[in-house]
Amino acid sequence: MDKFGVWGMLWVMHDIWSYYDFSGQPHPEVYNNNASRLASVLKKIETSLDVEIEEGEPTYFATPEKYGILTPTTEAEGLGFDATDRF
């Protein structure tokens, strides 16, 4: 007998969830205002649906973590990865 299952996928498509903007410039004020909101929504999804969030695959723009986006290592100048060539 087959089990019935439902799954979903959440994509975030903006740099406001990351410590760096798409050009690699740090924007800690934006990150500090938004990263906790993303984590809160993901935790609410877990509790509301009684499921466990699974991290997705890394993309060119970011690497997901359980409740947000991994902060990448910086270059020597304190900049992040410049991903604007993909726009």
PDB file of N, CA and C in Angstrom:
ATOM      1  N   MET A   1       0.846  -1.174   0.000  1.00  0.00           N
ATOM      2  CA  MET A   1       0.000   0.000   0.000  1.00  0.00           C
ATOM      3  C   MET A   1       0.891   1.237   0.000  1.00  0.00           C
ATOM      4  N   ASP A   2       0.566   2.184  -0.820  1.00  0.00           N
ATOM      5  CA  ASP A   2       1.349   3.423  -0.900  1.00  0.00           C
ATOM      6  C   ASP A   2       0.942   4.383   0.204  1.00  0.00           C
ATOM      7  N   LYS A   3       1.961   5.058   0.733  1.00  0.00           N
ATOM      8  CA  LYS A   3       1.689   6.115   1.701  1.00  0.00           C
ATOM      9  C   LYS A   3       1.379   7.393   0.946  1.00  0.00           C
ATOM     10  N   PHE A   4       0.479   8.157   1.473  1.00  0.00           N
ATOM     11  CA  PHE A   4       0.170   9.460   0.902  1.00  0.00           C
ATOM     12  C   PHE A   4       0.988  10.501   1.644  1.00  0.00           C
ATOM     13  N   GLY A   5       1.649  11.348   0.919  1.00  0.00           N
ATOM     14  CA  GLY A   5       2.443  12.394   1.552  1.00  0.00           C
ATOM     15  C   GLY A   5       2.305  13.708   0.813  1.00  0.00           C
ATOM     16  N   VAL A   6       2.470  14.744   1.540  1.00  0.00           N
ATOM     17  CA  VAL A   6       2.425  16.087   0.977  1.00  0.00           C
ATOM     18  C   VAL A   6       3.747  16.754   1.308  1.00  0.00           C
ATOM     19  N   TRP A   7       4.287  17.478   0.368  1.00  0.00           N
ATOM     20  CA  TRP A   7       5.508  18.222   0.634  1.00  0.00           C
ATOM     21  C   TRP A   7       5.375  19.603   0.020  1.00  0.00           C
ATOM     22  N   GLY A   8       6.182  20.482   0.493  1.00  0.00           N
ATOM     23  CA  GLY A   8       6.161  21.850  -0.009  1.00  0.00           C
ATOM     24  C   GLY A   8       7.571  22.397  -0.087  1.00  0.00           C
ATOM     25  N   MET A   9       7.692  23.492  -0.785  1.00  0.00           N
ATOM     26  CA  MET A   9       8.992  24.123  -0.929  1.00  0.00           C
ATOM     27  C   MET A   9       8.823  25.622  -0.727  1.00  0.00           C
ATOM     28  N   LEU A  10       9.739  26.197   0.014  1.00  0.00           N
ATOM     29  CA  LEU A  10       9.741  27.637   0.260  1.00  0.00           C
ATOM     30  C   LEU A  10      11.003  28.215  -0.358  1.00  0.00           C
ATOM     31  N   TRP A  11      10.846  29.193  -1.193  1.00  0.00           N
ATOM     32  CA  TRP A  11      11.981  29.880  -1.810  1.00  0.00           C
ATOM     33  C   TRP A  11      12.004  31.311  -1.304  1.00  0.00           C
ATOM     34  N   VAL A  12      13.179  31.797  -1.002  1.00  0.00           N
ATOM     35  CA  VAL A  12      13.351  33.215  -0.719  1.00  0.00           C
ATOM     36  C   VAL A  12      14.218  33.773  -1.842  1.00  0.00           C
ATOM     37  N   MET A  13      13.760  34.844  -2.431  1.00  0.00           N
ATOM     38  CA  MET A  13      14.435  35.354  -3.616  1.00  0.00           C
ATOM     39  C   MET A  13      14.811  36.823  -3.457  1.00  0.00           C
ATOM     40  N   HIS A  14      15.440  37.117  -2.352  1.00  0.00           N
ATOM     41  CA  HIS A  14      15.853  38.495  -2.118  1.00  0.00           C
ATOM     42  C   HIS A  14      17.048  38.488  -1.195  1.00  0.00           C
ATOM     43  N   ASP A  15      17.854  39.518  -1.260  1.00  0.00           N
ATOM     44  CA  ASP A  15      19.055  39.571  -0.427  1.00  0.00           C
ATOM     45  C   ASP A  15      18.786  40.082   0.984  1.00  0.00           C
ATOM     46  N   ILE A  16      17.551  40.381   1.337  1.00  0.00           N
ATOM     47  CA  ILE A  16      17.265  40.900   2.678  1.00  0.00           C
ATOM     48  C   ILE A  16      17.394  39.838   3.755  1.00  0.00           C
ATOM     49  N   TRP A  17      17.530  38.570   3.378  1.00  0.00           N
ATOM     50  CA  TRP A  17      17.656  37.498   4.358  1.00  0.00           C
ATOM     51  C   TRP A  17      19.122  37.182   4.635  1.00  0.00           C
ATOM     52  N   SER A  18      20.021  37.731   3.857  1.00  0.00           N
ATOM     53  CA  SER A  18      21.443  37.437   3.960  1.00  0.00           C
ATOM     54  C   SER A  18      22.195  38.614   4.578  1.00  0.00           C
ATOM     55  N   TYR A  19      23.346  38.315   5.163  1.00  0.00           N
ATOM     56  CA  TYR A  19      24.160  39.371   5.760  1.00  0.00           C
ATOM     57  C   TYR A  19      24.742  40.296   4.690  1.00  0.00           C
ATOM     58  N   TYR A  20      24.909  39.777   3.487  1.00  0.00           N
ATOM     59  CA  TYR A  20      25.462  40.562   2.376  1.00  0.00           C
ATOM     60  C   TYR A  20      24.408  40.734   1.293  1.00  0.00           C
ATOM     61  N   ASP A  21      24.431  41.886   0.629  1.00  0.00           N
ATOM     62  CA  ASP A  21      23.533  42.050  -0.504  1.00  0.00           C
ATOM     63  C   ASP A  21      24.110  41.289  -1.693  1.00  0.00           C
ATOM     64  N   PHE A  22      23.391  41.292  -2.806  1.00  0.00           N
ATOM     65  CA  PHE A  22      23.829  40.515  -3.963  1.00  0.00           C
ATOM     66  C   PHE A  22      25.165  40.979  -4.532  1.00  0.00           C
ATOM     67  N   SER A  23      25.546  42.222  -4.272  1.00  0.00           N
ATOM     68  CA  SER A  23      26.833  42.715  -4.778  1.00  0.00           C
ATOM     69  C   SER A  23      27.980  42.419  -3.810  1.00  0.00           C
ATOM     70  N   GLY A  24      27.685  41.802  -2.674  1.00  0.00           N
ATOM     71  CA  GLY A  24      28.717  41.438  -1.712  1.00  0.00           C
ATOM     72  C   GLY A  24      28.950  42.468  -0.618  1.00  0.00           C
ATOM     73  N   GLN A  25      28.185  43.526  -0.632  1.00  0.00           N
ATOM     74  CA  GLN A  25      28.308  44.561   0.400  1.00  0.00           C
ATOM     75  C   GLN A  25      27.568  44.128   1.662  1.00  0.00           C
ATOM     76  N   PRO A  26      28.197  44.250   2.821  1.00  0.00           N
ATOM     77  CA  PRO A  26      27.478  43.911   4.053  1.00  0.00           C
ATOM     78  C   PRO A  26      26.332  44.891   4.295  1.00  0.00           C
ATOM     79  N   HIS A  27      25.229  44.390   4.726  1.00  0.00           N
ATOM     80  CA  HIS A  27      24.118  45.255   5.155  1.00  0.00           C
ATOM     81  C   HIS A  27      23.521  44.659   6.436  1.00  0.00           C
ATOM     82  N   PRO A  28      24.300  44.802   7.538  1.00  0.00           N
ATOM     83  CA  PRO A  28      23.899  44.182   8.803  1.00  0.00           C
ATOM     84  C   PRO A  28      22.569  44.689   9.345  1.00  0.00           C
ATOM     85  N   GLU A  29      22.236  45.949   9.113  1.00  0.00           N
ATOM     86  CA  GLU A  29      20.957  46.462   9.621  1.00  0.00           C
ATOM     87  C   GLU A  29      19.796  45.737   8.956  1.00  0.00           C
ATOM     88  N   VAL A  30      19.889  45.537   7.648  1.00  0.00           N
ATOM     89  CA  VAL A  30      18.831  44.841   6.905  1.00  0.00           C
ATOM     90  C   VAL A  30      18.751  43.394   7.379  1.00  0.00           C
ATOM     91  N   TYR A  31      19.905  42.750   7.466  1.00  0.00           N
ATOM     92  CA  TYR A  31      19.960  41.357   7.918  1.00  0.00           C
ATOM     93  C   TYR A  31      19.380  41.220   9.327  1.00  0.00           C
ATOM     94  N   ASN A  32      19.793  42.074  10.234  1.00  0.00           N
ATOM     95  CA  ASN A  32      19.324  41.984  11.617  1.00  0.00           C
ATOM     96  C   ASN A  32      17.823  42.214  11.733  1.00  0.00           C
ATOM     97  N   ASN A  33      17.257  43.000  10.841  1.00  0.00           N
ATOM     98  CA  ASN A  33      15.813  43.241  10.855  1.00  0.00           C
ATOM     99  C   ASN A  33      15.017  42.101  10.235  1.00  0.00           C
ATOM    100  N   ASN A  34      15.635  41.306   9.365  1.00  0.00           N
ATOM    101  CA  ASN A  34      14.871  40.331   8.597  1.00  0.00           C
ATOM    102  C   ASN A  34      15.189  38.865   8.881  1.00  0.00           C
ATOM    103  N   ALA A  35      16.419  38.538   9.209  1.00  0.00           N
ATOM    104  CA  ALA A  35      16.788  37.129   9.387  1.00  0.00           C
ATOM    105  C   ALA A  35      15.957  36.457  10.474  1.00  0.00           C
ATOM    106  N   SER A  36      15.694  37.157  11.555  1.00  0.00           N
ATOM    107  CA  SER A  36      14.891  36.564  12.638  1.00  0.00           C
ATOM    108  C   SER A  36      13.443  36.349  12.195  1.00  0.00           C
ATOM    109  N   ARG A  37      12.959  37.177  11.297  1.00  0.00           N
ATOM    110  CA  ARG A  37      11.593  37.002  10.781  1.00  0.00           C
ATOM    111  C   ARG A  37      11.485  35.735   9.943  1.00  0.00           C
ATOM    112  N   LEU A  38      12.499  35.484   9.108  1.00  0.00           N
ATOM    113  CA  LEU A  38      12.514  34.263   8.307  1.00  0.00           C
ATOM    114  C   LEU A  38      12.584  33.035   9.225  1.00  0.00           C
ATOM    115  N   ALA A  39      13.453  33.069  10.215  1.00  0.00           N
ATOM    116  CA  ALA A  39      13.570  31.951  11.153  1.00  0.00           C
ATOM    117  C   ALA A  39      12.248  31.700  11.869  1.00  0.00           C
ATOM    118  N   SER A  40      11.578  32.758  12.265  1.00  0.00           N
ATOM    119  CA  SER A  40      10.309  32.632  12.968  1.00  0.00           C
ATOM    120  C   SER A  40       9.251  31.966  12.083  1.00  0.00           C
ATOM    121  N   VAL A  41       9.177  32.363  10.831  1.00  0.00           N
ATOM    122  CA  VAL A  41       8.200  31.773   9.909  1.00  0.00           C
ATOM    123  C   VAL A  41       8.491  30.289   9.707  1.00  0.00           C
ATOM    124  N   LEU A  42       9.755  29.947   9.525  1.00  0.00           N
ATOM    125  CA  LEU A  42      10.109  28.542   9.324  1.00  0.00           C
ATOM    126  C   LEU A  42       9.780  27.695  10.555  1.00  0.00           C
ATOM    127  N   LYS A  43      10.021  28.241  11.729  1.00  0.00           N
ATOM    128  CA  LYS A  43       9.690  27.513  12.959  1.00  0.00           C
ATOM    129  C   LYS A  43       8.180  27.355  13.112  1.00  0.00           C
ATOM    130  N   LYS A  44       7.416  28.381  12.717  1.00  0.00           N
ATOM    131  CA  LYS A  44       5.950  28.291  12.785  1.00  0.00           C
ATOM    132  C   LYS A  44       5.424  27.239  11.815  1.00  0.00           C
ATOM    133  N   ILE A  45       6.041  27.134  10.649  1.00  0.00           N
ATOM    134  CA  ILE A  45       5.644  26.092   9.697  1.00  0.00           C
ATOM    135  C   ILE A  45       5.863  24.718  10.326  1.00  0.00           C
ATOM    136  N   GLU A  46       7.012  24.548  10.956  1.00  0.00           N
ATOM    137  CA  GLU A  46       7.299  23.263  11.619  1.00  0.00           C
ATOM    138  C   GLU A  46       6.246  22.917  12.658  1.00  0.00           C
ATOM    139  N   THR A  47       5.964  23.853  13.539  1.00  0.00           N
ATOM    140  CA  THR A  47       5.031  23.556  14.627  1.00  0.00           C
ATOM    141  C   THR A  47       3.591  23.450  14.132  1.00  0.00           C
ATOM    142  N   SER A  48       3.197  24.304  13.204  1.00  0.00           N
ATOM    143  CA  SER A  48       1.815  24.283  12.713  1.00  0.00           C
ATOM    144  C   SER A  48       1.500  23.008  11.939  1.00  0.00           C
ATOM    145  N   LEU A  49       2.450  22.556  11.151  1.00  0.00           N
ATOM    146  CA  LEU A  49       2.220  21.373  10.321  1.00  0.00           C
ATOM    147  C   LEU A  49       2.796  20.095  10.927  1.00  0.00           C
ATOM    148  N   ASP A  50       3.435  20.233  12.088  1.00  0.00           N
ATOM    149  CA  ASP A  50       4.067  19.100  12.761  1.00  0.00           C
ATOM    150  C   ASP A  50       5.010  18.351  11.808  1.00  0.00           C
ATOM    151  N   VAL A  51       5.891  19.142  11.200  1.00  0.00           N
ATOM    152  CA  VAL A  51       6.896  18.608  10.280  1.00  0.00           C
ATOM    153  C   VAL A  51       8.255  19.164  10.679  1.00  0.00           C
ATOM    154  N   GLU A  52       9.295  18.582  10.112  1.00  0.00           N
ATOM    155  CA  GLU A  52      10.634  19.099  10.335  1.00  0.00           C
ATOM    156  C   GLU A  52      11.131  19.739   9.041  1.00  0.00           C
ATOM    157  N   ILE A  53      11.595  20.974   9.142  1.00  0.00           N
ATOM    158  CA  ILE A  53      12.142  21.676   7.991  1.00  0.00           C
ATOM    159  C   ILE A  53      13.432  20.987   7.552  1.00  0.00           C
ATOM    160  N   GLU A  54      13.563  20.791   6.253  1.00  0.00           N
ATOM    161  CA  GLU A  54      14.796  20.251   5.693  1.00  0.00           C
ATOM    162  C   GLU A  54      15.467  21.340   4.871  1.00  0.00           C
ATOM    163  N   GLU A  55      16.759  21.433   5.001  1.00  0.00           N
ATOM    164  CA  GLU A  55      17.501  22.430   4.223  1.00  0.00           C
ATOM    165  C   GLU A  55      17.506  22.025   2.759  1.00  0.00           C
ATOM    166  N   GLY A  56      17.411  23.009   1.898  1.00  0.00           N
ATOM    167  CA  GLY A  56      17.492  22.755   0.473  1.00  0.00           C
ATOM    168  C   GLY A  56      18.943  22.694   0.013  1.00  0.00           C
ATOM    169  N   GLU A  57      19.093  22.568  -1.268  1.00  0.00           N
ATOM    170  CA  GLU A  57      20.418  22.517  -1.876  1.00  0.00           C
ATOM    171  C   GLU A  57      20.980  23.930  -2.026  1.00  0.00           C
ATOM    172  N   PRO A  58      22.280  24.078  -1.938  1.00  0.00           N
ATOM    173  CA  PRO A  58      22.892  25.391  -2.190  1.00  0.00           C
ATOM    174  C   PRO A  58      22.623  25.838  -3.631  1.00  0.00           C
ATOM    175  N   THR A  59      22.523  27.136  -3.810  1.00  0.00           N
ATOM    176  CA  THR A  59      22.380  27.712  -5.146  1.00  0.00           C
ATOM    177  C   THR A  59      23.562  28.643  -5.392  1.00  0.00           C
ATOM    178  N   TYR A  60      23.577  29.251  -6.534  1.00  0.00           N
ATOM    179  CA  TYR A  60      24.619  30.220  -6.857  1.00  0.00           C
ATOM    180  C   TYR A  60      24.589  31.394  -5.878  1.00  0.00           C
ATOM    181  N   PHE A  61      23.410  31.727  -5.388  1.00  0.00           N
ATOM    182  CA  PHE A  61      23.232  32.913  -4.563  1.00  0.00           C
ATOM    183  C   PHE A  61      23.397  32.679  -3.065  1.00  0.00           C
ATOM    184  N   ALA A  62      23.077  31.488  -2.584  1.00  0.00           N
ATOM    185  CA  ALA A  62      23.111  31.278  -1.131  1.00  0.00           C
ATOM    186  C   ALA A  62      23.084  29.792  -0.798  1.00  0.00           C
ATOM    187  N   THR A  63      23.448  29.506   0.449  1.00  0.00           N
ATOM    188  CA  THR A  63      23.357  28.155   0.991  1.00  0.00           C
ATOM    189  C   THR A  63      22.358  28.182   2.141  1.00  0.00           C
ATOM    190  N   PRO A  64      21.283  27.414   2.020  1.00  0.00           N
ATOM    191  CA  PRO A  64      20.297  27.429   3.099  1.00  0.00           C
ATOM    192  C   PRO A  64      20.797  26.729   4.351  1.00  0.00           C
ATOM    193  N   GLU A  65      20.340  27.219   5.481  1.00  0.00           N
ATOM    194  CA  GLU A  65      20.515  26.556   6.775  1.00  0.00           C
ATOM    195  C   GLU A  65      19.121  26.208   7.271  1.00  0.00           C
ATOM    196  N   LYS A  66      19.036  25.511   8.364  1.00  0.00           N
ATOM    197  CA  LYS A  66      17.729  25.055   8.842  1.00  0.00           C
ATOM    198  C   LYS A  66      16.724  26.203   8.984  1.00  0.00           C
ATOM    199  N   TYR A  67      17.132  27.306   9.564  1.00  0.00           N
ATOM    200  CA  TYR A  67      16.201  28.421   9.780  1.00  0.00           C
ATOM    201  C   TYR A  67      16.667  29.712   9.121  1.00  0.00           C
ATOM    202  N   GLY A  68      17.372  29.609   8.020  1.00  0.00           N
ATOM    203  CA  GLY A  68      17.819  30.823   7.350  1.00  0.00           C
ATOM    204  C   GLY A  68      18.829  30.539   6.258  1.00  0.00           C
ATOM    205  N   ILE A  69      19.739  31.470   6.092  1.00  0.00           N
ATOM    206  CA  ILE A  69      20.750  31.394   5.050  1.00  0.00           C
ATOM    207  C   ILE A  69      22.125  31.479   5.694  1.00  0.00           C
ATOM    208  N   LEU A  70      23.011  30.594   5.288  1.00  0.00           N
ATOM    209  CA  LEU A  70      24.373  30.567   5.807  1.00  0.00           C
ATOM    210  C   LEU A  70      25.075  31.876   5.472  1.00  0.00           C
ATOM    211  N   THR A  71      25.748  32.466   6.445  1.00  0.00           N
ATOM    212  CA  THR A  71      26.549  33.655   6.181  1.00  0.00           C
ATOM    213  C   THR A  71      27.886  33.182   5.617  1.00  0.00           C
ATOM    214  N   PRO A  72      28.175  33.544   4.366  1.00  0.00           N
ATOM    215  CA  PRO A  72      29.404  33.043   3.746  1.00  0.00           C
ATOM    216  C   PRO A  72      30.647  33.688   4.348  1.00  0.00           C
ATOM    217  N   THR A  73      31.770  33.041   4.143  1.00  0.00           N
ATOM    218  CA  THR A  73      33.025  33.640   4.573  1.00  0.00           C
ATOM    219  C   THR A  73      33.292  34.858   3.703  1.00  0.00           C
ATOM    220  N   THR A  74      33.979  35.808   4.263  1.00  0.00           N
ATOM    221  CA  THR A  74      34.216  37.057   3.555  1.00  0.00           C
ATOM    222  C   THR A  74      35.559  37.037   2.843  1.00  0.00           C
ATOM    223  N   GLU A  75      35.665  37.923   1.877  1.00  0.00           N
ATOM    224  CA  GLU A  75      36.942  38.142   1.218  1.00  0.00           C
ATOM    225  C   GLU A  75      37.799  39.014   2.129  1.00  0.00           C
ATOM    226  N   ALA A  76      39.032  39.197   1.802  1.00  0.00           N
ATOM    227  CA  ALA A  76      39.974  39.949   2.636  1.00  0.00           C
ATOM    228  C   ALA A  76      39.465  41.354   2.961  1.00  0.00           C
ATOM    229  N   GLU A  77      38.723  41.958   2.059  1.00  0.00           N
ATOM    230  CA  GLU A  77      38.240  43.328   2.271  1.00  0.00           C
ATOM    231  C   GLU A  77      36.962  43.383   3.099  1.00  0.00           C
ATOM    232  N   GLY A  78      36.499  42.229   3.596  1.00  0.00           N
ATOM    233  CA  GLY A  78      35.266  42.208   4.380  1.00  0.00           C
ATOM    234  C   GLY A  78      34.014  42.174   3.533  1.00  0.00           C
ATOM    235  N   LEU A  79      34.166  41.846   2.260  1.00  0.00           N
ATOM    236  CA  LEU A  79      33.026  41.770   1.361  1.00  0.00           C
ATOM    237  C   LEU A  79      32.576  40.327   1.195  1.00  0.00           C
ATOM    238  N   GLY A  80      31.330  40.162   0.846  1.00  0.00           N
ATOM    239  CA  GLY A  80      30.811  38.840   0.528  1.00  0.00           C
ATOM    240  C   GLY A  80      30.943  38.564  -0.958  1.00  0.00           C
ATOM    241  N   PHE A  81      30.315  37.514  -1.400  1.00  0.00           N
ATOM    242  CA  PHE A  81      30.348  37.070  -2.787  1.00  0.00           C
ATOM    243  C   PHE A  81      29.491  37.989  -3.655  1.00  0.00           C
ATOM    244  N   ASP A  82      30.035  38.445  -4.770  1.00  0.00           N
ATOM    245  CA  ASP A  82      29.293  39.293  -5.715  1.00  0.00           C
ATOM    246  C   ASP A  82      28.562  38.392  -6.702  1.00  0.00           C
ATOM    247  N   ALA A  83      27.246  38.358  -6.609  1.00  0.00           N
ATOM    248  CA  ALA A  83      26.437  37.505  -7.471  1.00  0.00           C
ATOM    249  C   ALA A  83      25.682  38.285  -8.521  1.00  0.00           C
ATOM    250  N   THR A  84      26.030  39.547  -8.732  1.00  0.00           N
ATOM    251  CA  THR A  84      25.257  40.382  -9.663  1.00  0.00           C
ATOM    252  C   THR A  84      25.435  39.970 -11.116  1.00  0.00           C
ATOM    253  N   ASP A  85      26.435  39.155 -11.412  1.00  0.00           N
ATOM    254  CA  ASP A  85      26.612  38.718 -12.804  1.00  0.00           C
ATOM    255  C   ASP A  85      25.508  37.767 -13.266  1.00  0.00           C
ATOM    256  N   ARG A  86      24.682  37.289 -12.351  1.00  0.00           N
ATOM    257  CA  ARG A  86      23.581  36.390 -12.707  1.00  0.00           C
ATOM    258  C   ARG A  86      22.242  37.095 -12.885  1.00  0.00           C
ATOM    259  N   PHE A  87      22.248  38.413 -12.816  1.00  0.00           N
ATOM    260  CA  PHE A  87      20.982  39.150 -13.004  1.00  0.00           C
ATOM    261  C   PHE A  87      20.744  39.436 -14.446  1.00  0.00           C
TER     262      PHE A  87
END
